[in-house]
Amino acid sequence: MKSTKKKPVSRLSQEVAIQTLTLFSSALGLVAALAWNEAITEYINTYIKPYLAKGSGVISLFIYALLITAITVIVAMQMARVKKRLGTT
């Protein structure tokens, strides 16, 4: 009969697994960010650009950049609070 003891995982294997999971979650985050980028760009083109003067593409880009910056700052602050509560700072 075979032994049911688990083979200990080496430190290197554990680090490789952790890094792989980190890279995978980062890749999913990038895909989500690109999807939001496209959605917000379409929203600006559909609902904001028509109210701006012709040739004001630069203004709509700045509006988009300010919106994304504000959202990013708010999310980063909330994530820092969560990390602090979890004690992982």
PDB file of N, CA and C in Angstrom:
ATOM      1  N   MET A   1       0.838  -1.176   0.000  1.00  0.00           N
ATOM      2  CA  MET A   1       0.000   0.000   0.000  1.00  0.00           C
ATOM      3  C   MET A   1       0.883   1.239   0.000  1.00  0.00           C
ATOM      4  N   LYS A   2       0.492   2.255  -0.769  1.00  0.00           N
ATOM      5  CA  LYS A   2       1.273   3.479  -0.886  1.00  0.00           C
ATOM      6  C   LYS A   2       1.076   4.358   0.336  1.00  0.00           C
ATOM      7  N   SER A   3       2.119   5.100   0.648  1.00  0.00           N
ATOM      8  CA  SER A   3       2.049   6.055   1.752  1.00  0.00           C
ATOM      9  C   SER A   3       1.248   7.276   1.317  1.00  0.00           C
ATOM     10  N   THR A   4       0.428   7.811   2.228  1.00  0.00           N
ATOM     11  CA  THR A   4      -0.386   8.982   1.895  1.00  0.00           C
ATOM     12  C   THR A   4       0.239  10.270   2.408  1.00  0.00           C
ATOM     13  N   LYS A   5       1.489  10.201   2.844  1.00  0.00           N
ATOM     14  CA  LYS A   5       2.174  11.396   3.315  1.00  0.00           C
ATOM     15  C   LYS A   5       2.451  12.318   2.133  1.00  0.00           C
ATOM     16  N   LYS A   6       2.236  13.603   2.366  1.00  0.00           N
ATOM     17  CA  LYS A   6       2.523  14.590   1.327  1.00  0.00           C
ATOM     18  C   LYS A   6       4.003  14.915   1.323  1.00  0.00           C
ATOM     19  N   LYS A   7       4.535  15.047   0.130  1.00  0.00           N
ATOM     20  CA  LYS A   7       5.936  15.417  -0.032  1.00  0.00           C
ATOM     21  C   LYS A   7       6.078  16.899   0.298  1.00  0.00           C
ATOM     22  N   PRO A   8       7.056  17.285   1.112  1.00  0.00           N
ATOM     23  CA  PRO A   8       7.212  18.703   1.441  1.00  0.00           C
ATOM     24  C   PRO A   8       7.554  19.518   0.192  1.00  0.00           C
ATOM     25  N   VAL A   9       6.970  20.700   0.130  1.00  0.00           N
ATOM     26  CA  VAL A   9       7.195  21.596  -1.009  1.00  0.00           C
ATOM     27  C   VAL A   9       8.464  22.391  -0.743  1.00  0.00           C
ATOM     28  N   SER A  10       9.347  22.412  -1.726  1.00  0.00           N
ATOM     29  CA  SER A  10      10.592  23.152  -1.544  1.00  0.00           C
ATOM     30  C   SER A  10      10.326  24.648  -1.549  1.00  0.00           C
ATOM     31  N   ARG A  11      11.223  25.399  -0.970  1.00  0.00           N
ATOM     32  CA  ARG A  11      11.091  26.859  -0.894  1.00  0.00           C
ATOM     33  C   ARG A  11      11.036  27.465  -2.296  1.00  0.00           C
ATOM     34  N   LEU A  12      11.840  26.941  -3.216  1.00  0.00           N
ATOM     35  CA  LEU A  12      11.857  27.438  -4.590  1.00  0.00           C
ATOM     36  C   LEU A  12      10.513  27.188  -5.273  1.00  0.00           C
ATOM     37  N   SER A  13       9.966  25.991  -5.116  1.00  0.00           N
ATOM     38  CA  SER A  13       8.668  25.673  -5.716  1.00  0.00           C
ATOM     39  C   SER A  13       7.580  26.583  -5.168  1.00  0.00           C
ATOM     40  N   GLN A  14       7.643  26.864  -3.890  1.00  0.00           N
ATOM     41  CA  GLN A  14       6.658  27.737  -3.263  1.00  0.00           C
ATOM     42  C   GLN A  14       6.774  29.154  -3.827  1.00  0.00           C
ATOM     43  N   GLU A  15       7.994  29.663  -3.972  1.00  0.00           N
ATOM     44  CA  GLU A  15       8.196  31.006  -4.527  1.00  0.00           C
ATOM     45  C   GLU A  15       7.727  31.090  -5.975  1.00  0.00           C
ATOM     46  N   VAL A  16       7.994  30.047  -6.765  1.00  0.00           N
ATOM     47  CA  VAL A  16       7.557  30.020  -8.150  1.00  0.00           C
ATOM     48  C   VAL A  16       6.030  30.049  -8.208  1.00  0.00           C
ATOM     49  N   ALA A  17       5.369  29.283  -7.356  1.00  0.00           N
ATOM     50  CA  ALA A  17       3.908  29.264  -7.327  1.00  0.00           C
ATOM     51  C   ALA A  17       3.358  30.633  -6.940  1.00  0.00           C
ATOM     52  N   ILE A  18       3.942  31.269  -5.941  1.00  0.00           N
ATOM     53  CA  ILE A  18       3.492  32.594  -5.499  1.00  0.00           C
ATOM     54  C   ILE A  18       3.669  33.615  -6.614  1.00  0.00           C
ATOM     55  N   GLN A  19       4.813  33.606  -7.264  1.00  0.00           N
ATOM     56  CA  GLN A  19       5.069  34.553  -8.348  1.00  0.00           C
ATOM     57  C   GLN A  19       4.134  34.306  -9.533  1.00  0.00           C
ATOM     58  N   THR A  20       3.869  33.051  -9.840  1.00  0.00           N
ATOM     59  CA  THR A  20       2.956  32.720 -10.933  1.00  0.00           C
ATOM     60  C   THR A  20       1.557  33.243 -10.639  1.00  0.00           C
ATOM     61  N   LEU A  21       1.086  33.042  -9.414  1.00  0.00           N
ATOM     62  CA  LEU A  21      -0.233  33.549  -9.036  1.00  0.00           C
ATOM     63  C   LEU A  21      -0.272  35.073  -9.072  1.00  0.00           C
ATOM     64  N   THR A  22       0.810  35.716  -8.632  1.00  0.00           N
ATOM     65  CA  THR A  22       0.875  37.176  -8.664  1.00  0.00           C
ATOM     66  C   THR A  22       0.826  37.686 -10.095  1.00  0.00           C
ATOM     67  N   LEU A  23       1.595  37.078 -10.977  1.00  0.00           N
ATOM     68  CA  LEU A  23       1.597  37.490 -12.387  1.00  0.00           C
ATOM     69  C   LEU A  23       0.241  37.246 -13.039  1.00  0.00           C
ATOM     70  N   PHE A  24      -0.391  36.128 -12.710  1.00  0.00           N
ATOM     71  CA  PHE A  24      -1.694  35.818 -13.275  1.00  0.00           C
ATOM     72  C   PHE A  24      -2.741  36.832 -12.827  1.00  0.00           C
ATOM     73  N   SER A  25      -2.735  37.177 -11.548  1.00  0.00           N
ATOM     74  CA  SER A  25      -3.721  38.160 -11.072  1.00  0.00           C
ATOM     75  C   SER A  25      -3.421  39.542 -11.655  1.00  0.00           C
ATOM     76  N   SER A  26      -2.150  39.869 -11.855  1.00  0.00           N
ATOM     77  CA  SER A  26      -1.797  41.145 -12.497  1.00  0.00           C
ATOM     78  C   SER A  26      -2.284  41.173 -13.939  1.00  0.00           C
ATOM     79  N   ALA A  27      -2.152  40.059 -14.635  1.00  0.00           N
ATOM     80  CA  ALA A  27      -2.621  39.982 -16.021  1.00  0.00           C
ATOM     81  C   ALA A  27      -4.136  40.166 -16.084  1.00  0.00           C
ATOM     82  N   LEU A  28      -4.857  39.560 -15.158  1.00  0.00           N
ATOM     83  CA  LEU A  28      -6.310  39.739 -15.123  1.00  0.00           C
ATOM     84  C   LEU A  28      -6.665  41.186 -14.807  1.00  0.00           C
ATOM     85  N   GLY A  29      -5.889  41.819 -13.930  1.00  0.00           N
ATOM     86  CA  GLY A  29      -6.108  43.230 -13.626  1.00  0.00           C
ATOM     87  C   GLY A  29      -5.893  44.105 -14.851  1.00  0.00           C
ATOM     88  N   LEU A  30      -4.895  43.782 -15.642  1.00  0.00           N
ATOM     89  CA  LEU A  30      -4.639  44.533 -16.878  1.00  0.00           C
ATOM     90  C   LEU A  30      -5.794  44.379 -17.862  1.00  0.00           C
ATOM     91  N   VAL A  31      -6.308  43.168 -18.003  1.00  0.00           N
ATOM     92  CA  VAL A  31      -7.440  42.934 -18.896  1.00  0.00           C
ATOM     93  C   VAL A  31      -8.648  43.743 -18.425  1.00  0.00           C
ATOM     94  N   ALA A  32      -8.906  43.753 -17.126  1.00  0.00           N
ATOM     95  CA  ALA A  32     -10.019  44.532 -16.582  1.00  0.00           C
ATOM     96  C   ALA A  32      -9.800  46.021 -16.830  1.00  0.00           C
ATOM     97  N   ALA A  33      -8.578  46.499 -16.630  1.00  0.00           N
ATOM     98  CA  ALA A  33      -8.274  47.915 -16.863  1.00  0.00           C
ATOM     99  C   ALA A  33      -8.488  48.291 -18.327  1.00  0.00           C
ATOM    100  N   LEU A  34      -8.084  47.429 -19.232  1.00  0.00           N
ATOM    101  CA  LEU A  34      -8.290  47.706 -20.657  1.00  0.00           C
ATOM    102  C   LEU A  34      -9.775  47.723 -21.016  1.00  0.00           C
ATOM    103  N   ALA A  35     -10.544  46.838 -20.404  1.00  0.00           N
ATOM    104  CA  ALA A  35     -11.987  46.825 -20.651  1.00  0.00           C
ATOM    105  C   ALA A  35     -12.624  48.120 -20.146  1.00  0.00           C
ATOM    106  N   TRP A  36     -12.216  48.558 -18.935  1.00  0.00           N
ATOM    107  CA  TRP A  36     -12.738  49.821 -18.403  1.00  0.00           C
ATOM    108  C   TRP A  36     -12.291  50.999 -19.261  1.00  0.00           C
ATOM    109  N   ASN A  37     -11.069  50.950 -19.752  1.00  0.00           N
ATOM    110  CA  ASN A  37     -10.562  52.008 -20.619  1.00  0.00           C
ATOM    111  C   ASN A  37     -11.464  52.160 -21.838  1.00  0.00           C
ATOM    112  N   GLU A  38     -11.781  51.049 -22.456  1.00  0.00           N
ATOM    113  CA  GLU A  38     -12.624  51.087 -23.645  1.00  0.00           C
ATOM    114  C   GLU A  38     -14.034  51.579 -23.308  1.00  0.00           C
ATOM    115  N   ALA A  39     -14.587  51.123 -22.193  1.00  0.00           N
ATOM    116  CA  ALA A  39     -15.943  51.529 -21.796  1.00  0.00           C
ATOM    117  C   ALA A  39     -16.001  53.029 -21.503  1.00  0.00           C
ATOM    118  N   ILE A  40     -15.028  53.534 -20.772  1.00  0.00           N
ATOM    119  CA  ILE A  40     -15.028  54.952 -20.413  1.00  0.00           C
ATOM    120  C   ILE A  40     -14.775  55.812 -21.652  1.00  0.00           C
ATOM    121  N   THR A  41     -13.891  55.372 -22.520  1.00  0.00           N
ATOM    122  CA  THR A  41     -13.635  56.109 -23.763  1.00  0.00           C
ATOM    123  C   THR A  41     -14.911  56.211 -24.599  1.00  0.00           C
ATOM    124  N   GLU A  42     -15.625  55.115 -24.717  1.00  0.00           N
ATOM    125  CA  GLU A  42     -16.872  55.128 -25.481  1.00  0.00           C
ATOM    126  C   GLU A  42     -17.910  56.035 -24.823  1.00  0.00           C
ATOM    127  N   TYR A  43     -17.974  56.005 -23.499  1.00  0.00           N
ATOM    128  CA  TYR A  43     -18.908  56.876 -22.773  1.00  0.00           C
ATOM    129  C   TYR A  43     -18.592  58.349 -23.053  1.00  0.00           C
ATOM    130  N   ILE A  44     -17.320  58.700 -22.985  1.00  0.00           N
ATOM    131  CA  ILE A  44     -16.918  60.092 -23.244  1.00  0.00           C
ATOM    132  C   ILE A  44     -17.229  60.483 -24.679  1.00  0.00           C
ATOM    133  N   ASN A  45     -16.929  59.595 -25.615  1.00  0.00           N
ATOM    134  CA  ASN A  45     -17.212  59.887 -27.027  1.00  0.00           C
ATOM    135  C   ASN A  45     -18.706  60.044 -27.292  1.00  0.00           C
ATOM    136  N   THR A  46     -19.521  59.275 -26.577  1.00  0.00           N
ATOM    137  CA  THR A  46     -20.965  59.298 -26.814  1.00  0.00           C
ATOM    138  C   THR A  46     -21.675  60.421 -26.075  1.00  0.00           C
ATOM    139  N   TYR A  47     -21.319  60.643 -24.804  1.00  0.00           N
ATOM    140  CA  TYR A  47     -22.101  61.551 -23.970  1.00  0.00           C
ATOM    141  C   TYR A  47     -21.436  62.894 -23.647  1.00  0.00           C
ATOM    142  N   ILE A  48     -20.131  62.994 -23.779  1.00  0.00           N
ATOM    143  CA  ILE A  48     -19.455  64.250 -23.408  1.00  0.00           C
ATOM    144  C   ILE A  48     -18.980  65.009 -24.650  1.00  0.00           C
ATOM    145  N   LYS A  49     -18.340  64.313 -25.570  1.00  0.00           N
ATOM    146  CA  LYS A  49     -17.799  64.969 -26.764  1.00  0.00           C
ATOM    147  C   LYS A  49     -18.841  65.757 -27.555  1.00  0.00           C
ATOM    148  N   PRO A  50     -20.070  65.276 -27.707  1.00  0.00           N
ATOM    149  CA  PRO A  50     -21.049  66.048 -28.488  1.00  0.00           C
ATOM    150  C   PRO A  50     -21.329  67.439 -27.911  1.00  0.00           C
ATOM    151  N   TYR A  51     -21.114  67.621 -26.619  1.00  0.00           N
ATOM    152  CA  TYR A  51     -21.375  68.920 -25.993  1.00  0.00           C
ATOM    153  C   TYR A  51     -20.179  69.853 -26.056  1.00  0.00           C
ATOM    154  N   LEU A  52     -19.054  69.361 -26.510  1.00  0.00           N
ATOM    155  CA  LEU A  52     -17.853  70.182 -26.648  1.00  0.00           C
ATOM    156  C   LEU A  52     -17.736  70.675 -28.087  1.00  0.00           C
ATOM    157  N   ALA A  53     -16.995  71.733 -28.257  1.00  0.00           N
ATOM    158  CA  ALA A  53     -16.811  72.295 -29.600  1.00  0.00           C
ATOM    159  C   ALA A  53     -16.060  71.309 -30.484  1.00  0.00           C
ATOM    160  N   LYS A  54     -16.268  71.452 -31.789  1.00  0.00           N
ATOM    161  CA  LYS A  54     -15.545  70.597 -32.743  1.00  0.00           C
ATOM    162  C   LYS A  54     -14.039  70.784 -32.568  1.00  0.00           C
ATOM    163  N   GLY A  55     -13.311  69.696 -32.713  1.00  0.00           N
ATOM    164  CA  GLY A  55     -11.865  69.763 -32.591  1.00  0.00           C
ATOM    165  C   GLY A  55     -11.380  69.841 -31.155  1.00  0.00           C
ATOM    166  N   SER A  56     -12.246  69.536 -30.202  1.00  0.00           N
ATOM    167  CA  SER A  56     -11.838  69.613 -28.793  1.00  0.00           C
ATOM    168  C   SER A  56     -11.513  68.231 -28.237  1.00  0.00           C
ATOM    169  N   GLY A  57     -10.912  67.413 -29.062  1.00  0.00           N
ATOM    170  CA  GLY A  57     -10.530  66.069 -28.636  1.00  0.00           C
ATOM    171  C   GLY A  57      -9.575  66.086 -27.464  1.00  0.00           C
ATOM    172  N   VAL A  58      -8.722  67.099 -27.411  1.00  0.00           N
ATOM    173  CA  VAL A  58      -7.758  67.207 -26.317  1.00  0.00           C
ATOM    174  C   VAL A  58      -8.489  67.419 -24.996  1.00  0.00           C
ATOM    175  N   ILE A  59      -9.541  68.220 -25.019  1.00  0.00           N
ATOM    176  CA  ILE A  59     -10.302  68.470 -23.786  1.00  0.00           C
ATOM    177  C   ILE A  59     -10.931  67.181 -23.282  1.00  0.00           C
ATOM    178  N   SER A  60     -11.504  66.397 -24.170  1.00  0.00           N
ATOM    179  CA  SER A  60     -12.118  65.144 -23.733  1.00  0.00           C
ATOM    180  C   SER A  60     -11.069  64.172 -23.206  1.00  0.00           C
ATOM    181  N   LEU A  61      -9.868  64.202 -23.770  1.00  0.00           N
ATOM    182  CA  LEU A  61      -8.790  63.351 -23.249  1.00  0.00           C
ATOM    183  C   LEU A  61      -8.379  63.774 -21.842  1.00  0.00           C
ATOM    184  N   PHE A  62      -8.336  65.089 -21.595  1.00  0.00           N
ATOM    185  CA  PHE A  62      -8.018  65.561 -20.256  1.00  0.00           C
ATOM    186  C   PHE A  62      -9.120  65.207 -19.258  1.00  0.00           C
ATOM    187  N   ILE A  63     -10.367  65.293 -19.694  1.00  0.00           N
ATOM    188  CA  ILE A  63     -11.483  64.890 -18.826  1.00  0.00           C
ATOM    189  C   ILE A  63     -11.336  63.417 -18.466  1.00  0.00           C
ATOM    190  N   TYR A  64     -11.038  62.609 -19.450  1.00  0.00           N
ATOM    191  CA  TYR A  64     -10.834  61.175 -19.236  1.00  0.00           C
ATOM    192  C   TYR A  64      -9.665  60.928 -18.271  1.00  0.00           C
ATOM    193  N   ALA A  65      -8.554  61.608 -18.491  1.00  0.00           N
ATOM    194  CA  ALA A  65      -7.383  61.430 -17.627  1.00  0.00           C
ATOM    195  C   ALA A  65      -7.685  61.843 -16.188  1.00  0.00           C
ATOM    196  N   LEU A  66      -8.400  62.953 -16.014  1.00  0.00           N
ATOM    197  CA  LEU A  66      -8.766  63.392 -14.661  1.00  0.00           C
ATOM    198  C   LEU A  66      -9.710  62.403 -13.988  1.00  0.00           C
ATOM    199  N   LEU A  67     -10.665  61.895 -14.734  1.00  0.00           N
ATOM    200  CA  LEU A  67     -11.595  60.910 -14.192  1.00  0.00           C
ATOM    201  C   LEU A  67     -10.866  59.647 -13.746  1.00  0.00           C
ATOM    202  N   ILE A  68     -10.006  59.125 -14.594  1.00  0.00           N
ATOM    203  CA  ILE A  68      -9.252  57.915 -14.263  1.00  0.00           C
ATOM    204  C   ILE A  68      -8.328  58.155 -13.078  1.00  0.00           C
ATOM    205  N   THR A  69      -7.680  59.313 -13.025  1.00  0.00           N
ATOM    206  CA  THR A  69      -6.792  59.631 -11.905  1.00  0.00           C
ATOM    207  C   THR A  69      -7.572  59.675 -10.600  1.00  0.00           C
ATOM    208  N   ALA A  70      -8.730  60.324 -10.598  1.00  0.00           N
ATOM    209  CA  ALA A  70      -9.550  60.406  -9.390  1.00  0.00           C
ATOM    210  C   ALA A  70      -9.990  59.020  -8.934  1.00  0.00           C
ATOM    211  N   ILE A  71     -10.450  58.198  -9.859  1.00  0.00           N
ATOM    212  CA  ILE A  71     -10.864  56.833  -9.508  1.00  0.00           C
ATOM    213  C   ILE A  71      -9.694  56.038  -8.953  1.00  0.00           C
ATOM    214  N   THR A  72      -8.528  56.162  -9.581  1.00  0.00           N
ATOM    215  CA  THR A  72      -7.343  55.432  -9.140  1.00  0.00           C
ATOM    216  C   THR A  72      -6.933  55.830  -7.728  1.00  0.00           C
ATOM    217  N   VAL A  73      -6.949  57.118  -7.442  1.00  0.00           N
ATOM    218  CA  VAL A  73      -6.575  57.597  -6.110  1.00  0.00           C
ATOM    219  C   VAL A  73      -7.553  57.068  -5.061  1.00  0.00           C
ATOM    220  N   ILE A  74      -8.839  57.134  -5.354  1.00  0.00           N
ATOM    221  CA  ILE A  74      -9.846  56.649  -4.400  1.00  0.00           C
ATOM    222  C   ILE A  74      -9.682  55.155  -4.143  1.00  0.00           C
ATOM    223  N   VAL A  75      -9.508  54.375  -5.198  1.00  0.00           N
ATOM    224  CA  VAL A  75      -9.342  52.927  -5.043  1.00  0.00           C
ATOM    225  C   VAL A  75      -8.057  52.614  -4.289  1.00  0.00           C
ATOM    226  N   ALA A  76      -6.967  53.306  -4.590  1.00  0.00           N
ATOM    227  CA  ALA A  76      -5.693  53.066  -3.904  1.00  0.00           C
ATOM    228  C   ALA A  76      -5.811  53.380  -2.416  1.00  0.00           C
ATOM    229  N   MET A  77      -6.527  54.454  -2.071  1.00  0.00           N
ATOM    230  CA  MET A  77      -6.715  54.804  -0.661  1.00  0.00           C
ATOM    231  C   MET A  77      -7.534  53.731   0.054  1.00  0.00           C
ATOM    232  N   GLN A  78      -8.569  53.237  -0.591  1.00  0.00           N
ATOM    233  CA  GLN A  78      -9.393  52.187   0.011  1.00  0.00           C
ATOM    234  C   GLN A  78      -8.591  50.895   0.185  1.00  0.00           C
ATOM    235  N   MET A  79      -7.783  50.562  -0.797  1.00  0.00           N
ATOM    236  CA  MET A  79      -6.959  49.356  -0.699  1.00  0.00           C
ATOM    237  C   MET A  79      -5.941  49.483   0.425  1.00  0.00           C
ATOM    238  N   ALA A  80      -5.372  50.671   0.621  1.00  0.00           N
ATOM    239  CA  ALA A  80      -4.423  50.888   1.711  1.00  0.00           C
ATOM    240  C   ALA A  80      -5.111  50.706   3.060  1.00  0.00           C
ATOM    241  N   ARG A  81      -6.344  51.165   3.176  1.00  0.00           N
ATOM    242  CA  ARG A  81      -7.098  50.979   4.425  1.00  0.00           C
ATOM    243  C   ARG A  81      -7.338  49.493   4.704  1.00  0.00           C
ATOM    244  N   VAL A  82      -7.707  48.755   3.671  1.00  0.00           N
ATOM    245  CA  VAL A  82      -7.952  47.325   3.834  1.00  0.00           C
ATOM    246  C   VAL A  82      -6.664  46.622   4.254  1.00  0.00           C
ATOM    247  N   LYS A  83      -5.549  46.952   3.588  1.00  0.00           N
ATOM    248  CA  LYS A  83      -4.270  46.345   3.944  1.00  0.00           C
ATOM    249  C   LYS A  83      -3.888  46.666   5.382  1.00  0.00           C
ATOM    250  N   LYS A  84      -4.164  47.883   5.818  1.00  0.00           N
ATOM    251  CA  LYS A  84      -3.844  48.282   7.196  1.00  0.00           C
ATOM    252  C   LYS A  84      -4.675  47.465   8.186  1.00  0.00           C
ATOM    253  N   ARG A  85      -5.970  47.276   7.880  1.00  0.00           N
ATOM    254  CA  ARG A  85      -6.826  46.462   8.742  1.00  0.00           C
ATOM    255  C   ARG A  85      -6.367  45.025   8.817  1.00  0.00           C
ATOM    256  N   LEU A  86      -5.874  44.518   7.703  1.00  0.00           N
ATOM    257  CA  LEU A  86      -5.394  43.135   7.659  1.00  0.00           C
ATOM    258  C   LEU A  86      -4.013  42.991   8.279  1.00  0.00           C
ATOM    259  N   GLY A  87      -3.362  44.106   8.503  1.00  0.00           N
ATOM    260  CA  GLY A  87      -2.023  44.075   9.107  1.00  0.00           C
ATOM    261  C   GLY A  87      -0.944  43.615   8.153  1.00  0.00           C
ATOM    262  N   THR A  88      -1.113  43.883   6.875  1.00  0.00           N
ATOM    263  CA  THR A  88      -0.121  43.460   5.885  1.00  0.00           C
ATOM    264  C   THR A  88       0.686  44.613   5.347  1.00  0.00           C
ATOM    265  N   THR A  89       0.775  45.713   6.091  1.00  0.00           N
ATOM    266  CA  THR A  89       1.529  46.869   5.599  1.00  0.00           C
ATOM    267  C   THR A  89       3.000  46.703   5.855  1.00  0.00           C
TER     268      THR A  89
END
